[in-house]
Amino acid sequence: EYLALTGARLDGKEMLSAGLATHFVPSA
C-alpha cells in the first residue's frame, strides 16, 4: 500500500531501482 503511494509520487525510477515495481517500468 505505502509502496504504491511512494511509486506514484516518485518518477517510478526509485521503485524500479528497489525492484518492487518491475512491472511499473515506464517506456522512458
PDB file of N, CA and C in Angstrom:
ATOM      1  N   GLU A   1       0.837  -1.189   0.000  1.00  0.00           N
ATOM      2  CA  GLU A   1       0.000   0.000   0.000  1.00  0.00           C
ATOM      3  C   GLU A   1       0.883   1.255   0.000  1.00  0.00           C
ATOM      4  N   TYR A   2       1.745   1.353   0.966  1.00  0.00           N
ATOM      5  CA  TYR A   2       2.616   2.527   1.069  1.00  0.00           C
ATOM      6  C   TYR A   2       3.557   2.605  -0.128  1.00  0.00           C
ATOM      7  N   LEU A   3       4.028   1.435  -0.554  1.00  0.00           N
ATOM      8  CA  LEU A   3       4.934   1.387  -1.700  1.00  0.00           C
ATOM      9  C   LEU A   3       4.248   1.933  -2.931  1.00  0.00           C
ATOM     10  N   ALA A   4       2.966   1.621  -3.087  1.00  0.00           N
ATOM     11  CA  ALA A   4       2.207   2.081  -4.250  1.00  0.00           C
ATOM     12  C   ALA A   4       2.159   3.605  -4.250  1.00  0.00           C
ATOM     13  N   LEU A   5       1.903   4.194  -3.082  1.00  0.00           N
ATOM     14  CA  LEU A   5       1.832   5.649  -2.979  1.00  0.00           C
ATOM     15  C   LEU A   5       3.190   6.266  -3.283  1.00  0.00           C
ATOM     16  N   THR A   6       4.229   5.649  -2.777  1.00  0.00           N
ATOM     17  CA  THR A   6       5.577   6.161  -2.998  1.00  0.00           C
ATOM     18  C   THR A   6       5.901   6.152  -4.482  1.00  0.00           C
ATOM     19  N   GLY A   7       5.545   5.066  -5.160  1.00  0.00           N
ATOM     20  CA  GLY A   7       5.816   4.944  -6.590  1.00  0.00           C
ATOM     21  C   GLY A   7       5.086   6.016  -7.367  1.00  0.00           C
ATOM     22  N   ALA A   8       3.868   6.332  -6.922  1.00  0.00           N
ATOM     23  CA  ALA A   8       3.067   7.342  -7.617  1.00  0.00           C
ATOM     24  C   ALA A   8       3.725   8.709  -7.453  1.00  0.00           C
ATOM     25  N   ARG A   9       4.268   8.963  -6.282  1.00  0.00           N
ATOM     26  CA  ARG A   9       4.896  10.261  -6.011  1.00  0.00           C
ATOM     27  C   ARG A   9       6.230  10.366  -6.732  1.00  0.00           C
ATOM     28  N   LEU A  10       6.974   9.275  -6.739  1.00  0.00           N
ATOM     29  CA  LEU A  10       8.279   9.288  -7.396  1.00  0.00           C
ATOM     30  C   LEU A  10       8.121   9.154  -8.900  1.00  0.00           C
ATOM     31  N   ASP A  11       9.209   9.354  -9.614  1.00  0.00           N
ATOM     32  CA  ASP A  11       9.176   9.244 -11.076  1.00  0.00           C
ATOM     33  C   ASP A  11       9.032   7.790 -11.505  1.00  0.00           C
ATOM     34  N   GLY A  12       9.100   6.886 -10.544  1.00  0.00           N
ATOM     35  CA  GLY A  12       8.978   5.478 -10.862  1.00  0.00           C
ATOM     36  C   GLY A  12      10.357   4.835 -10.918  1.00  0.00           C
ATOM     37  N   LYS A  13      11.368   5.627 -11.160  1.00  0.00           N
ATOM     38  CA  LYS A  13      12.736   5.110 -11.233  1.00  0.00           C
ATOM     39  C   LYS A  13      13.170   4.602  -9.863  1.00  0.00           C
ATOM     40  N   GLU A  14      12.724   5.302  -8.835  1.00  0.00           N
ATOM     41  CA  GLU A  14      13.068   4.908  -7.469  1.00  0.00           C
ATOM     42  C   GLU A  14      12.544   3.506  -7.181  1.00  0.00           C
ATOM     43  N   MET A  15      11.284   3.289  -7.526  1.00  0.00           N
ATOM     44  CA  MET A  15      10.662   1.991  -7.295  1.00  0.00           C
ATOM     45  C   MET A  15      11.362   0.920  -8.116  1.00  0.00           C
ATOM     46  N   LEU A  16      11.655   1.240  -9.367  1.00  0.00           N
ATOM     47  CA  LEU A  16      12.301   0.282 -10.245  1.00  0.00           C
ATOM     48  C   LEU A  16      13.656  -0.109  -9.650  1.00  0.00           C
ATOM     49  N   SER A  17      14.356   0.877  -9.150  1.00  0.00           N
ATOM     50  CA  SER A  17      15.662   0.634  -8.556  1.00  0.00           C
ATOM     51  C   SER A  17      15.535  -0.322  -7.380  1.00  0.00           C
ATOM     52  N   ALA A  18      14.451  -0.190  -6.646  1.00  0.00           N
ATOM     53  CA  ALA A  18      14.212  -1.057  -5.498  1.00  0.00           C
ATOM     54  C   ALA A  18      13.836  -2.452  -5.971  1.00  0.00           C
ATOM     55  N   GLY A  19      13.329  -2.540  -7.216  1.00  0.00           N
ATOM     56  CA  GLY A  19      12.960  -3.842  -7.756  1.00  0.00           C
ATOM     57  C   GLY A  19      11.564  -4.241  -7.311  1.00  0.00           C
ATOM     58  N   LEU A  20      10.813  -3.283  -6.753  1.00  0.00           N
ATOM     59  CA  LEU A  20       9.465  -3.602  -6.283  1.00  0.00           C
ATOM     60  C   LEU A  20       8.437  -3.343  -7.374  1.00  0.00           C
ATOM     61  N   ALA A  21       8.718  -2.349  -8.214  1.00  0.00           N
ATOM     62  CA  ALA A  21       7.776  -2.002  -9.280  1.00  0.00           C
ATOM     63  C   ALA A  21       8.380  -2.354 -10.632  1.00  0.00           C
ATOM     64  N   THR A  22       8.878  -3.568 -10.751  1.00  0.00           N
ATOM     65  CA  THR A  22       9.497  -4.003 -12.000  1.00  0.00           C
ATOM     66  C   THR A  22       8.499  -3.934 -13.143  1.00  0.00           C
ATOM     67  N   HIS A  23       7.218  -4.102 -12.811  1.00  0.00           N
ATOM     68  CA  HIS A  23       6.176  -4.067 -13.836  1.00  0.00           C
ATOM     69  C   HIS A  23       5.725  -2.636 -14.091  1.00  0.00           C
ATOM     70  N   PHE A  24       6.150  -1.723 -13.222  1.00  0.00           N
ATOM     71  CA  PHE A  24       5.755  -0.325 -13.342  1.00  0.00           C
ATOM     72  C   PHE A  24       6.823   0.494 -14.074  1.00  0.00           C
ATOM     73  N   VAL A  25       7.670  -0.195 -14.830  1.00  0.00           N
ATOM     74  CA  VAL A  25       8.747   0.487 -15.552  1.00  0.00           C
ATOM     75  C   VAL A  25       8.182   1.282 -16.722  1.00  0.00           C
ATOM     76  N   PRO A  26       8.433   2.599 -16.760  1.00  0.00           N
ATOM     77  CA  PRO A  26       7.925   3.461 -17.839  1.00  0.00           C
ATOM     78  C   PRO A  26       8.677   3.236 -19.138  1.00  0.00           C
ATOM     79  N   SER A  27       8.086   3.622 -20.253  1.00  0.00           N
ATOM     80  CA  SER A  27       8.725   3.450 -21.552  1.00  0.00           C
ATOM     81  C   SER A  27       9.972   4.319 -21.644  1.00  0.00           C
ATOM     82  N   ALA A  28       9.970   5.416 -20.909  1.00  0.00           N
ATOM     83  CA  ALA A  28      11.114   6.314 -20.914  1.00  0.00           C
ATOM     84  C   ALA A  28      12.270   5.659 -20.154  1.00  0.00           C
TER      85      ALA A  28
END
